[in-house]
Amino acid sequence: MRAPVTVVTATIPGREVLLTECVQSVYTQTVEVEAHLVLAQSCTEGLPGPVHCAKMQNALLWAVATEWTMRLADDDLLLPHHIATLLPYFGERADVIYSWDASENRPRWNANVLSQAQLVAALRQTSWIDGSAVAIRSSWLKEVGGWPTSYEGTPPFAGHFSGFPPAVTCEDHACFLRLAQTGARFLCVPEETWVYRAGRWPRISIEEPAE
């Protein structure tokens, strides 16, 4: 059995080892995904990192033919039961389904206790849902235009996505807020099913080791 979900991953040269581990984590799922689409592209247009990442993810999005889309950062990993854990919720109850990551000291917010208005208000203040490993209904994601790409200022310490509050500096945060504002229903599955990784490796934003 394959789950009706396509995983999309944007990457840049210099992150091949990370990408290999990321892809392997998708291949070792107990429930197979329909496809894993990867785009590797250096940023040659002088774009802010979040915009370059959003543009690559949008290019992949339009190739998605499944009911669900799941963005997975190239330096993050799915635990083997991730898809199997989210699969029972791939019905009509929700349009955005997320779980908790297994790393230490990571935020664990539960959208299930919020009204739609409270959800929008919370997302306007801060990015409290991790952008990786989240299943989004493809039709809704395409309807809102995918990940926003219009940016004002210079990241990472200044600037934000155009038309959003100043706190919205990342493409995943902007996407979640836009989805919530248009009525998408968010569902939290309060289980650890994936791993967020951070380290001193080339970044999509600057393509050199982070300080």
N, C-alpha and C. Protein backbone atom coordinates (compact mmCIF):
# COMPACT_ATOMS: atom_id res chain seq x y z
N MET A 1 0.83 -1.20 0.00
CA MET A 1 0.00 0.00 0.00
C MET A 1 0.86 1.24 0.00
N ARG A 2 0.49 2.20 -0.81
CA ARG A 2 1.17 3.49 -0.83
C ARG A 2 0.25 4.57 -0.28
N ALA A 3 0.80 5.48 0.49
CA ALA A 3 0.03 6.60 1.01
C ALA A 3 -0.12 7.64 -0.10
N PRO A 4 -1.25 8.33 -0.17
CA PRO A 4 -1.47 9.33 -1.23
C PRO A 4 -0.77 10.64 -0.93
N VAL A 5 0.54 10.57 -0.77
CA VAL A 5 1.32 11.76 -0.42
C VAL A 5 2.61 11.79 -1.22
N THR A 6 3.00 12.98 -1.64
CA THR A 6 4.28 13.20 -2.32
C THR A 6 5.15 14.06 -1.43
N VAL A 7 6.36 13.61 -1.17
CA VAL A 7 7.33 14.38 -0.40
C VAL A 7 8.12 15.27 -1.35
N VAL A 8 8.32 16.54 -0.98
CA VAL A 8 9.11 17.47 -1.80
C VAL A 8 10.27 18.00 -0.96
N THR A 9 11.45 18.02 -1.56
CA THR A 9 12.66 18.46 -0.87
C THR A 9 13.47 19.38 -1.76
N ALA A 10 13.76 20.57 -1.27
CA ALA A 10 14.64 21.51 -1.95
C ALA A 10 16.03 21.42 -1.33
N THR A 11 17.07 21.52 -2.17
CA THR A 11 18.42 21.43 -1.64
C THR A 11 19.37 22.25 -2.52
N ILE A 12 20.61 22.37 -2.07
CA ILE A 12 21.64 23.07 -2.83
C ILE A 12 22.89 22.20 -2.86
N PRO A 13 23.79 22.43 -3.82
CA PRO A 13 25.07 21.71 -3.82
C PRO A 13 25.81 21.91 -2.50
N GLY A 14 26.48 20.85 -2.04
CA GLY A 14 27.21 20.91 -0.78
C GLY A 14 26.50 20.23 0.36
N ARG A 15 25.26 19.78 0.10
CA ARG A 15 24.49 19.13 1.15
C ARG A 15 24.14 17.69 0.75
N GLU A 16 25.00 17.09 -0.06
CA GLU A 16 24.70 15.77 -0.60
C GLU A 16 24.56 14.69 0.48
N VAL A 17 25.41 14.73 1.49
CA VAL A 17 25.34 13.72 2.54
C VAL A 17 24.03 13.85 3.31
N LEU A 18 23.67 15.08 3.64
CA LEU A 18 22.41 15.33 4.34
C LEU A 18 21.24 14.84 3.50
N LEU A 19 21.27 15.17 2.22
CA LEU A 19 20.18 14.78 1.33
C LEU A 19 20.05 13.26 1.24
N THR A 20 21.20 12.57 1.16
CA THR A 20 21.17 11.11 1.09
C THR A 20 20.48 10.52 2.31
N GLU A 21 20.79 11.04 3.48
CA GLU A 21 20.17 10.56 4.71
C GLU A 21 18.68 10.90 4.75
N CYS A 22 18.34 12.07 4.26
CA CYS A 22 16.94 12.48 4.18
C CYS A 22 16.15 11.54 3.28
N VAL A 23 16.68 11.28 2.09
CA VAL A 23 16.01 10.39 1.14
C VAL A 23 15.88 8.99 1.72
N GLN A 24 16.92 8.52 2.37
CA GLN A 24 16.88 7.19 2.97
C GLN A 24 15.77 7.09 4.01
N SER A 25 15.55 8.17 4.76
CA SER A 25 14.50 8.15 5.78
C SER A 25 13.11 8.04 5.16
N VAL A 26 12.97 8.56 3.93
CA VAL A 26 11.69 8.41 3.22
C VAL A 26 11.54 7.00 2.69
N TYR A 27 12.62 6.45 2.16
CA TYR A 27 12.59 5.09 1.61
C TYR A 27 12.31 4.03 2.67
N THR A 28 12.66 4.29 3.91
CA THR A 28 12.52 3.28 4.96
C THR A 28 11.21 3.42 5.74
N GLN A 29 10.25 4.13 5.21
CA GLN A 29 8.94 4.24 5.86
C GLN A 29 8.22 2.89 5.87
N THR A 30 7.50 2.60 6.93
CA THR A 30 6.74 1.36 7.00
C THR A 30 5.55 1.40 6.03
N VAL A 31 5.11 2.61 5.68
CA VAL A 31 4.11 2.80 4.64
C VAL A 31 4.75 3.66 3.55
N GLU A 32 4.79 3.16 2.35
CA GLU A 32 5.48 3.83 1.25
C GLU A 32 4.71 5.07 0.78
N VAL A 33 5.46 6.12 0.43
CA VAL A 33 4.83 7.30 -0.16
C VAL A 33 4.72 7.09 -1.67
N GLU A 34 3.91 7.90 -2.30
CA GLU A 34 3.74 7.77 -3.75
C GLU A 34 4.99 8.23 -4.49
N ALA A 35 5.62 9.30 -4.02
CA ALA A 35 6.80 9.83 -4.71
C ALA A 35 7.58 10.74 -3.77
N HIS A 36 8.87 10.89 -4.05
CA HIS A 36 9.70 11.87 -3.37
C HIS A 36 10.40 12.68 -4.45
N LEU A 37 10.03 13.95 -4.56
CA LEU A 37 10.58 14.84 -5.59
C LEU A 37 11.64 15.74 -4.96
N VAL A 38 12.80 15.83 -5.64
CA VAL A 38 13.93 16.60 -5.12
C VAL A 38 14.40 17.58 -6.19
N LEU A 39 14.67 18.82 -5.79
CA LEU A 39 15.24 19.81 -6.69
C LEU A 39 16.48 20.40 -6.04
N ALA A 40 17.62 20.30 -6.73
CA ALA A 40 18.88 20.87 -6.26
C ALA A 40 19.26 22.02 -7.18
N GLN A 41 19.40 23.20 -6.61
CA GLN A 41 19.65 24.37 -7.46
C GLN A 41 20.37 25.45 -6.65
N SER A 42 21.54 25.87 -7.13
CA SER A 42 22.23 26.99 -6.51
C SER A 42 21.44 28.27 -6.74
N CYS A 43 21.55 29.18 -5.79
CA CYS A 43 20.88 30.46 -5.93
C CYS A 43 21.80 31.44 -6.66
N THR A 44 21.44 31.77 -7.90
CA THR A 44 22.28 32.66 -8.71
C THR A 44 21.60 34.00 -8.96
N GLU A 45 20.44 34.22 -8.36
CA GLU A 45 19.68 35.45 -8.60
C GLU A 45 19.79 36.45 -7.46
N GLY A 46 20.60 36.16 -6.45
CA GLY A 46 20.71 37.06 -5.31
C GLY A 46 19.45 37.10 -4.47
N LEU A 47 18.69 36.02 -4.49
CA LEU A 47 17.44 35.96 -3.73
C LEU A 47 17.71 35.71 -2.25
N PRO A 48 16.86 36.23 -1.37
CA PRO A 48 16.95 35.81 0.03
C PRO A 48 16.75 34.31 0.12
N GLY A 49 17.44 33.66 1.06
CA GLY A 49 17.36 32.22 1.20
C GLY A 49 15.94 31.68 1.29
N PRO A 50 15.07 32.29 2.13
CA PRO A 50 13.70 31.77 2.21
C PRO A 50 12.95 31.83 0.88
N VAL A 51 13.26 32.83 0.07
CA VAL A 51 12.59 32.96 -1.23
C VAL A 51 13.11 31.90 -2.20
N HIS A 52 14.42 31.68 -2.21
CA HIS A 52 14.99 30.65 -3.08
C HIS A 52 14.42 29.29 -2.73
N CYS A 53 14.31 29.00 -1.43
CA CYS A 53 13.75 27.73 -0.98
C CYS A 53 12.29 27.63 -1.41
N ALA A 54 11.52 28.70 -1.24
CA ALA A 54 10.10 28.69 -1.62
C ALA A 54 9.93 28.47 -3.11
N LYS A 55 10.77 29.11 -3.92
CA LYS A 55 10.66 28.95 -5.37
C LYS A 55 10.93 27.51 -5.79
N MET A 56 11.93 26.88 -5.19
CA MET A 56 12.22 25.49 -5.52
C MET A 56 11.06 24.58 -5.10
N GLN A 57 10.53 24.82 -3.91
CA GLN A 57 9.42 23.99 -3.44
C GLN A 57 8.18 24.18 -4.32
N ASN A 58 7.94 25.40 -4.78
CA ASN A 58 6.80 25.64 -5.66
C ASN A 58 6.98 24.94 -7.01
N ALA A 59 8.21 24.91 -7.51
CA ALA A 59 8.46 24.21 -8.77
C ALA A 59 8.13 22.73 -8.63
N LEU A 60 8.44 22.17 -7.47
CA LEU A 60 8.12 20.76 -7.22
C LEU A 60 6.62 20.57 -7.00
N LEU A 61 6.00 21.53 -6.34
CA LEU A 61 4.57 21.41 -6.03
C LEU A 61 3.72 21.18 -7.26
N TRP A 62 4.04 21.88 -8.34
CA TRP A 62 3.21 21.77 -9.54
C TRP A 62 3.39 20.43 -10.25
N ALA A 63 4.36 19.64 -9.80
CA ALA A 63 4.51 18.28 -10.34
C ALA A 63 3.82 17.25 -9.46
N VAL A 64 3.26 17.68 -8.34
CA VAL A 64 2.60 16.76 -7.41
C VAL A 64 1.22 16.36 -7.95
N ALA A 65 0.95 15.06 -7.98
CA ALA A 65 -0.33 14.56 -8.48
C ALA A 65 -1.13 13.84 -7.40
N THR A 66 -0.63 13.84 -6.16
CA THR A 66 -1.31 13.15 -5.07
C THR A 66 -2.17 14.11 -4.26
N GLU A 67 -3.02 13.54 -3.44
CA GLU A 67 -3.94 14.35 -2.62
C GLU A 67 -3.20 15.17 -1.58
N TRP A 68 -2.04 14.67 -1.14
CA TRP A 68 -1.30 15.33 -0.07
C TRP A 68 0.13 15.62 -0.49
N THR A 69 0.66 16.73 0.02
CA THR A 69 2.05 17.14 -0.22
C THR A 69 2.74 17.29 1.13
N MET A 70 3.97 16.80 1.22
CA MET A 70 4.73 16.92 2.46
C MET A 70 6.11 17.48 2.17
N ARG A 71 6.38 18.68 2.62
CA ARG A 71 7.70 19.27 2.47
C ARG A 71 8.61 18.70 3.54
N LEU A 72 9.78 18.20 3.13
CA LEU A 72 10.77 17.68 4.06
C LEU A 72 12.10 18.37 3.77
N ALA A 73 12.61 19.13 4.74
CA ALA A 73 13.90 19.79 4.56
C ALA A 73 14.99 18.75 4.36
N ASP A 74 16.00 19.10 3.56
CA ASP A 74 17.02 18.12 3.22
C ASP A 74 17.91 17.73 4.40
N ASP A 75 17.84 18.49 5.50
CA ASP A 75 18.64 18.12 6.67
C ASP A 75 17.79 17.53 7.80
N ASP A 76 16.53 17.21 7.50
CA ASP A 76 15.66 16.57 8.48
C ASP A 76 15.39 15.12 8.10
N LEU A 77 14.90 14.35 9.07
CA LEU A 77 14.69 12.92 8.85
C LEU A 77 13.29 12.50 9.32
N LEU A 78 12.67 11.61 8.58
CA LEU A 78 11.44 10.98 9.03
C LEU A 78 11.79 9.72 9.81
N LEU A 79 11.17 9.51 10.95
CA LEU A 79 11.29 8.23 11.62
C LEU A 79 10.44 7.22 10.84
N PRO A 80 10.77 5.92 10.91
CA PRO A 80 10.12 4.93 10.04
C PRO A 80 8.59 4.90 10.11
N HIS A 81 8.01 5.34 11.23
CA HIS A 81 6.56 5.25 11.39
C HIS A 81 5.85 6.57 11.08
N HIS A 82 6.55 7.55 10.54
CA HIS A 82 5.95 8.88 10.35
C HIS A 82 4.70 8.83 9.47
N ILE A 83 4.84 8.30 8.26
CA ILE A 83 3.71 8.26 7.33
C ILE A 83 2.59 7.39 7.90
N ALA A 84 2.93 6.26 8.48
CA ALA A 84 1.92 5.36 9.04
C ALA A 84 1.14 6.05 10.16
N THR A 85 1.80 6.91 10.92
CA THR A 85 1.14 7.60 12.03
C THR A 85 0.18 8.67 11.52
N LEU A 86 0.54 9.38 10.47
CA LEU A 86 -0.32 10.45 9.95
C LEU A 86 -1.41 9.92 9.03
N LEU A 87 -1.19 8.77 8.42
CA LEU A 87 -2.10 8.25 7.41
C LEU A 87 -3.56 8.15 7.86
N PRO A 88 -3.87 7.71 9.07
CA PRO A 88 -5.27 7.59 9.47
C PRO A 88 -6.03 8.92 9.46
N TYR A 89 -5.29 10.03 9.43
CA TYR A 89 -5.93 11.35 9.47
C TYR A 89 -6.06 11.98 8.09
N PHE A 90 -5.66 11.23 7.04
CA PHE A 90 -5.75 11.73 5.67
C PHE A 90 -7.19 11.63 5.15
N GLY A 91 -8.11 12.21 5.87
CA GLY A 91 -9.51 12.19 5.44
C GLY A 91 -10.03 13.59 5.25
N GLU A 92 -11.24 13.82 5.70
CA GLU A 92 -11.88 15.11 5.52
C GLU A 92 -11.81 15.99 6.76
N ARG A 93 -11.17 15.51 7.82
CA ARG A 93 -11.15 16.26 9.08
C ARG A 93 -10.17 17.42 9.08
N ALA A 94 -9.16 17.35 8.24
CA ALA A 94 -8.11 18.36 8.31
C ALA A 94 -7.49 18.60 6.93
N ASP A 95 -6.82 19.74 6.81
CA ASP A 95 -6.13 20.09 5.58
C ASP A 95 -4.63 20.24 5.80
N VAL A 96 -4.22 20.41 7.04
CA VAL A 96 -2.80 20.50 7.42
C VAL A 96 -2.62 19.59 8.63
N ILE A 97 -1.76 18.58 8.50
CA ILE A 97 -1.58 17.59 9.57
C ILE A 97 -0.10 17.56 9.96
N TYR A 98 0.17 17.79 11.24
CA TYR A 98 1.57 17.80 11.68
C TYR A 98 1.71 16.99 12.97
N SER A 99 2.94 16.55 13.21
CA SER A 99 3.27 15.81 14.42
C SER A 99 4.46 16.47 15.09
N TRP A 100 4.98 15.87 16.14
CA TRP A 100 6.09 16.44 16.89
C TRP A 100 7.41 15.82 16.48
N ASP A 101 8.46 16.64 16.55
CA ASP A 101 9.77 16.10 16.24
C ASP A 101 10.42 15.57 17.51
N ALA A 102 11.33 14.64 17.33
CA ALA A 102 11.91 13.90 18.45
C ALA A 102 13.15 14.56 19.03
N SER A 103 13.52 15.74 18.55
CA SER A 103 14.69 16.43 19.08
C SER A 103 14.38 17.01 20.46
N GLU A 104 15.43 17.29 21.21
CA GLU A 104 15.25 17.87 22.54
C GLU A 104 14.98 19.37 22.45
N ASN A 105 14.19 19.86 23.39
CA ASN A 105 13.94 21.29 23.55
C ASN A 105 13.34 21.95 22.31
N ARG A 106 12.45 21.23 21.62
CA ARG A 106 11.75 21.77 20.47
C ARG A 106 10.31 22.11 20.86
N PRO A 107 9.72 23.14 20.24
CA PRO A 107 8.35 23.53 20.60
C PRO A 107 7.34 22.43 20.27
N ARG A 108 6.35 22.29 21.12
CA ARG A 108 5.30 21.30 20.90
C ARG A 108 3.95 21.96 21.16
N TRP A 109 3.45 22.63 20.14
CA TRP A 109 2.17 23.31 20.23
C TRP A 109 1.09 22.41 19.64
N ASN A 110 -0.09 22.49 20.23
CA ASN A 110 -1.20 21.65 19.80
C ASN A 110 -2.32 22.53 19.24
N ALA A 111 -2.47 22.51 17.93
CA ALA A 111 -3.50 23.33 17.29
C ALA A 111 -4.90 22.82 17.54
N ASN A 112 -5.02 21.60 18.05
CA ASN A 112 -6.34 21.00 18.25
C ASN A 112 -7.18 21.73 19.29
N VAL A 113 -6.52 22.50 20.16
CA VAL A 113 -7.24 23.20 21.23
C VAL A 113 -7.58 24.64 20.83
N LEU A 114 -7.27 25.04 19.61
CA LEU A 114 -7.48 26.41 19.17
C LEU A 114 -8.64 26.51 18.19
N SER A 115 -9.38 27.60 18.27
CA SER A 115 -10.35 27.91 17.24
C SER A 115 -9.59 28.41 16.02
N GLN A 116 -10.28 28.55 14.88
CA GLN A 116 -9.60 29.04 13.68
C GLN A 116 -9.06 30.45 13.89
N ALA A 117 -9.83 31.29 14.57
CA ALA A 117 -9.38 32.65 14.84
C ALA A 117 -8.16 32.66 15.76
N GLN A 118 -8.16 31.80 16.76
CA GLN A 118 -7.01 31.70 17.66
C GLN A 118 -5.78 31.18 16.93
N LEU A 119 -6.00 30.24 16.01
CA LEU A 119 -4.90 29.70 15.22
C LEU A 119 -4.25 30.80 14.39
N VAL A 120 -5.06 31.59 13.70
CA VAL A 120 -4.53 32.68 12.88
C VAL A 120 -3.79 33.68 13.76
N ALA A 121 -4.38 34.04 14.89
CA ALA A 121 -3.74 35.01 15.78
C ALA A 121 -2.39 34.50 16.29
N ALA A 122 -2.33 33.22 16.63
CA ALA A 122 -1.08 32.64 17.12
C ALA A 122 -0.01 32.64 16.04
N LEU A 123 -0.39 32.28 14.82
CA LEU A 123 0.58 32.25 13.72
C LEU A 123 1.04 33.64 13.31
N ARG A 124 0.25 34.65 13.56
CA ARG A 124 0.67 36.02 13.26
C ARG A 124 1.77 36.48 14.22
N GLN A 125 1.86 35.84 15.37
CA GLN A 125 2.83 36.25 16.38
C GLN A 125 4.17 35.52 16.25
N THR A 126 4.11 34.23 15.94
CA THR A 126 5.35 33.45 15.90
C THR A 126 5.16 32.18 15.09
N SER A 127 6.29 31.61 14.66
CA SER A 127 6.27 30.34 13.92
C SER A 127 6.38 29.21 14.92
N TRP A 128 5.25 28.59 15.27
CA TRP A 128 5.28 27.55 16.29
C TRP A 128 4.97 26.16 15.74
N ILE A 129 4.83 26.05 14.42
CA ILE A 129 4.71 24.74 13.78
C ILE A 129 5.94 24.56 12.90
N ASP A 130 6.69 23.49 13.10
CA ASP A 130 7.86 23.24 12.26
C ASP A 130 7.44 23.02 10.82
N GLY A 131 8.26 23.50 9.89
CA GLY A 131 7.90 23.44 8.47
C GLY A 131 8.11 22.09 7.82
N SER A 132 8.87 21.21 8.46
CA SER A 132 9.16 19.90 7.88
C SER A 132 8.12 18.87 8.28
N ALA A 133 7.97 17.86 7.40
CA ALA A 133 7.20 16.65 7.71
C ALA A 133 5.73 16.91 7.93
N VAL A 134 5.21 18.03 7.44
CA VAL A 134 3.80 18.39 7.59
C VAL A 134 3.05 18.00 6.32
N ALA A 135 1.95 17.29 6.48
CA ALA A 135 1.13 16.90 5.33
C ALA A 135 0.11 18.00 5.07
N ILE A 136 0.09 18.52 3.84
CA ILE A 136 -0.83 19.59 3.45
C ILE A 136 -1.65 19.10 2.27
N ARG A 137 -2.94 19.34 2.32
CA ARG A 137 -3.79 18.96 1.20
C ARG A 137 -3.32 19.71 -0.05
N SER A 138 -2.95 18.97 -1.09
CA SER A 138 -2.33 19.56 -2.27
C SER A 138 -3.20 20.59 -2.95
N SER A 139 -4.51 20.31 -3.05
CA SER A 139 -5.41 21.25 -3.73
C SER A 139 -5.45 22.59 -3.01
N TRP A 140 -5.42 22.56 -1.68
CA TRP A 140 -5.46 23.80 -0.91
C TRP A 140 -4.14 24.54 -1.05
N LEU A 141 -3.04 23.80 -1.00
CA LEU A 141 -1.71 24.41 -1.12
C LEU A 141 -1.55 25.08 -2.48
N LYS A 142 -2.03 24.43 -3.51
CA LYS A 142 -1.96 25.02 -4.85
C LYS A 142 -2.90 26.21 -4.98
N GLU A 143 -4.05 26.13 -4.33
CA GLU A 143 -5.04 27.21 -4.41
C GLU A 143 -4.48 28.52 -3.85
N VAL A 144 -3.68 28.44 -2.79
CA VAL A 144 -3.11 29.66 -2.20
C VAL A 144 -1.79 30.05 -2.87
N GLY A 145 -1.37 29.31 -3.90
CA GLY A 145 -0.16 29.66 -4.63
C GLY A 145 1.11 29.06 -4.09
N GLY A 146 0.98 28.07 -3.22
CA GLY A 146 2.17 27.44 -2.67
C GLY A 146 2.84 28.30 -1.62
N TRP A 147 4.15 28.23 -1.54
CA TRP A 147 4.91 29.01 -0.56
C TRP A 147 5.13 30.42 -1.08
N PRO A 148 4.83 31.46 -0.28
CA PRO A 148 5.01 32.84 -0.75
C PRO A 148 6.45 33.13 -1.16
N THR A 149 6.62 34.04 -2.12
CA THR A 149 7.96 34.34 -2.64
C THR A 149 8.28 35.84 -2.66
N SER A 150 7.38 36.69 -2.20
CA SER A 150 7.62 38.13 -2.19
C SER A 150 8.17 38.53 -0.82
N TYR A 151 9.35 39.16 -0.83
CA TYR A 151 10.07 39.42 0.42
C TYR A 151 10.53 40.86 0.50
N GLU A 152 10.50 41.44 1.68
CA GLU A 152 10.97 42.80 1.92
C GLU A 152 12.13 42.76 2.91
N GLY A 153 13.26 43.38 2.57
CA GLY A 153 14.38 43.43 3.49
C GLY A 153 15.39 42.33 3.23
N THR A 154 16.32 42.19 4.17
CA THR A 154 17.42 41.23 4.03
C THR A 154 17.45 40.27 5.20
N PRO A 155 17.27 38.97 4.96
CA PRO A 155 17.34 37.99 6.05
C PRO A 155 18.81 37.75 6.42
N PRO A 156 19.11 37.11 7.55
CA PRO A 156 18.14 36.55 8.49
C PRO A 156 17.71 37.49 9.59
N PHE A 157 18.37 38.66 9.72
CA PHE A 157 18.11 39.53 10.86
C PHE A 157 17.21 40.71 10.52
N ALA A 158 16.87 40.86 9.27
CA ALA A 158 15.97 41.93 8.88
C ALA A 158 15.13 41.43 7.71
N GLY A 159 13.95 41.99 7.59
CA GLY A 159 13.08 41.63 6.49
C GLY A 159 12.05 40.59 6.86
N HIS A 160 11.04 40.50 6.00
CA HIS A 160 9.97 39.53 6.20
C HIS A 160 9.21 39.38 4.89
N PHE A 161 8.31 38.41 4.83
CA PHE A 161 7.54 38.20 3.63
C PHE A 161 6.52 39.32 3.46
N SER A 162 6.42 39.84 2.25
CA SER A 162 5.54 40.97 1.94
C SER A 162 4.08 40.61 2.23
N GLY A 163 3.38 41.55 2.87
CA GLY A 163 1.98 41.35 3.17
C GLY A 163 1.73 40.56 4.43
N PHE A 164 2.80 40.19 5.15
CA PHE A 164 2.70 39.44 6.39
C PHE A 164 3.28 40.27 7.54
N PRO A 165 2.97 39.92 8.78
CA PRO A 165 3.56 40.62 9.92
C PRO A 165 5.08 40.49 9.92
N PRO A 166 5.79 41.41 10.58
CA PRO A 166 7.26 41.37 10.63
C PRO A 166 7.83 40.08 11.16
N ALA A 167 7.07 39.35 11.98
CA ALA A 167 7.58 38.10 12.54
C ALA A 167 7.67 36.99 11.52
N VAL A 168 7.05 37.17 10.34
CA VAL A 168 7.00 36.09 9.34
C VAL A 168 8.20 36.21 8.42
N THR A 169 9.30 35.55 8.78
CA THR A 169 10.55 35.64 8.03
C THR A 169 10.90 34.36 7.27
N CYS A 170 10.17 33.28 7.52
CA CYS A 170 10.45 31.99 6.88
C CYS A 170 9.30 31.59 5.96
N GLU A 171 9.64 30.88 4.89
CA GLU A 171 8.62 30.51 3.90
C GLU A 171 7.57 29.57 4.45
N ASP A 172 7.96 28.66 5.36
CA ASP A 172 6.98 27.75 5.91
C ASP A 172 5.99 28.47 6.83
N HIS A 173 6.49 29.43 7.61
CA HIS A 173 5.63 30.22 8.48
C HIS A 173 4.62 31.01 7.65
N ALA A 174 5.10 31.65 6.57
CA ALA A 174 4.21 32.42 5.70
C ALA A 174 3.15 31.52 5.08
N CYS A 175 3.54 30.33 4.68
CA CYS A 175 2.61 29.39 4.07
C CYS A 175 1.55 28.95 5.06
N PHE A 176 1.96 28.62 6.28
CA PHE A 176 0.99 28.18 7.29
C PHE A 176 0.00 29.30 7.61
N LEU A 177 0.49 30.52 7.75
CA LEU A 177 -0.40 31.63 8.06
C LEU A 177 -1.39 31.86 6.93
N ARG A 178 -0.92 31.81 5.70
CA ARG A 178 -1.81 32.00 4.55
C ARG A 178 -2.87 30.89 4.51
N LEU A 179 -2.47 29.66 4.77
CA LEU A 179 -3.42 28.56 4.78
C LEU A 179 -4.47 28.76 5.88
N ALA A 180 -4.01 29.14 7.06
CA ALA A 180 -4.95 29.34 8.17
C ALA A 180 -5.91 30.48 7.88
N GLN A 181 -5.40 31.55 7.29
CA GLN A 181 -6.25 32.70 6.98
C GLN A 181 -7.32 32.38 5.95
N THR A 182 -7.07 31.39 5.11
CA THR A 182 -8.05 31.02 4.10
C THR A 182 -8.95 29.87 4.57
N GLY A 183 -8.82 29.48 5.85
CA GLY A 183 -9.74 28.50 6.42
C GLY A 183 -9.25 27.08 6.50
N ALA A 184 -8.01 26.81 6.13
CA ALA A 184 -7.50 25.44 6.21
C ALA A 184 -7.52 24.97 7.66
N ARG A 185 -7.93 23.72 7.86
CA ARG A 185 -8.05 23.15 9.20
C ARG A 185 -6.75 22.43 9.57
N PHE A 186 -6.20 22.81 10.72
CA PHE A 186 -4.95 22.24 11.20
C PHE A 186 -5.23 21.15 12.23
N LEU A 187 -4.49 20.05 12.12
CA LEU A 187 -4.64 18.94 13.06
C LEU A 187 -3.26 18.52 13.57
N CYS A 188 -3.12 18.46 14.88
CA CYS A 188 -1.89 17.99 15.51
C CYS A 188 -2.04 16.52 15.88
N VAL A 189 -1.06 15.72 15.49
CA VAL A 189 -0.96 14.33 15.95
C VAL A 189 0.17 14.32 16.98
N PRO A 190 -0.14 14.32 18.26
CA PRO A 190 0.86 14.54 19.31
C PRO A 190 1.77 13.32 19.56
N GLU A 191 2.51 12.95 18.54
CA GLU A 191 3.47 11.86 18.65
C GLU A 191 4.79 12.27 17.99
N GLU A 192 5.90 11.74 18.48
CA GLU A 192 7.21 12.01 17.89
C GLU A 192 7.42 11.12 16.68
N THR A 193 7.51 11.71 15.49
CA THR A 193 7.61 10.89 14.28
C THR A 193 8.70 11.36 13.31
N TRP A 194 9.44 12.41 13.65
CA TRP A 194 10.49 12.88 12.76
C TRP A 194 11.56 13.60 13.57
N VAL A 195 12.67 13.95 12.91
CA VAL A 195 13.81 14.55 13.62
C VAL A 195 14.27 15.81 12.90
N TYR A 196 14.28 16.91 13.64
CA TYR A 196 14.85 18.17 13.15
C TYR A 196 16.35 18.16 13.41
N ARG A 197 17.12 18.52 12.38
CA ARG A 197 18.57 18.54 12.56
C ARG A 197 19.11 19.93 12.22
N ALA A 198 20.06 20.38 13.00
CA ALA A 198 20.73 21.66 12.75
C ALA A 198 22.23 21.47 12.96
N GLY A 199 23.02 22.16 12.14
CA GLY A 199 24.46 22.00 12.28
C GLY A 199 25.22 22.99 11.42
N ARG A 200 26.52 22.91 11.44
CA ARG A 200 27.38 23.82 10.68
C ARG A 200 27.62 23.24 9.28
N TRP A 201 26.62 23.36 8.44
CA TRP A 201 26.75 22.91 7.07
C TRP A 201 26.23 24.00 6.14
N PRO A 202 26.53 23.91 4.84
CA PRO A 202 26.10 24.97 3.91
C PRO A 202 24.60 25.20 4.00
N ARG A 203 24.21 26.46 4.00
CA ARG A 203 22.81 26.83 4.10
C ARG A 203 22.26 27.22 2.73
N ILE A 204 20.98 27.00 2.53
CA ILE A 204 20.35 27.42 1.28
C ILE A 204 20.44 28.94 1.13
N SER A 205 20.44 29.65 2.27
CA SER A 205 20.43 31.11 2.21
C SER A 205 21.75 31.72 1.77
N ILE A 206 22.89 31.16 2.24
CA ILE A 206 24.17 31.78 1.95
C ILE A 206 25.18 30.84 1.31
N GLU A 207 24.84 29.55 1.30
CA GLU A 207 25.66 28.52 0.66
C GLU A 207 27.10 28.48 1.19
N GLU A 208 27.25 28.71 2.49
CA GLU A 208 28.53 28.54 3.14
C GLU A 208 28.25 28.18 4.60
N PRO A 209 29.22 27.60 5.31
CA PRO A 209 28.93 27.15 6.68
C PRO A 209 28.38 28.25 7.54
N ALA A 210 27.37 27.93 8.32
CA ALA A 210 26.76 28.91 9.22
C ALA A 210 27.71 29.20 10.37
N GLU A 211 27.63 30.40 10.91
CA GLU A 211 28.47 30.77 12.05
C GLU A 211 27.91 30.15 13.33
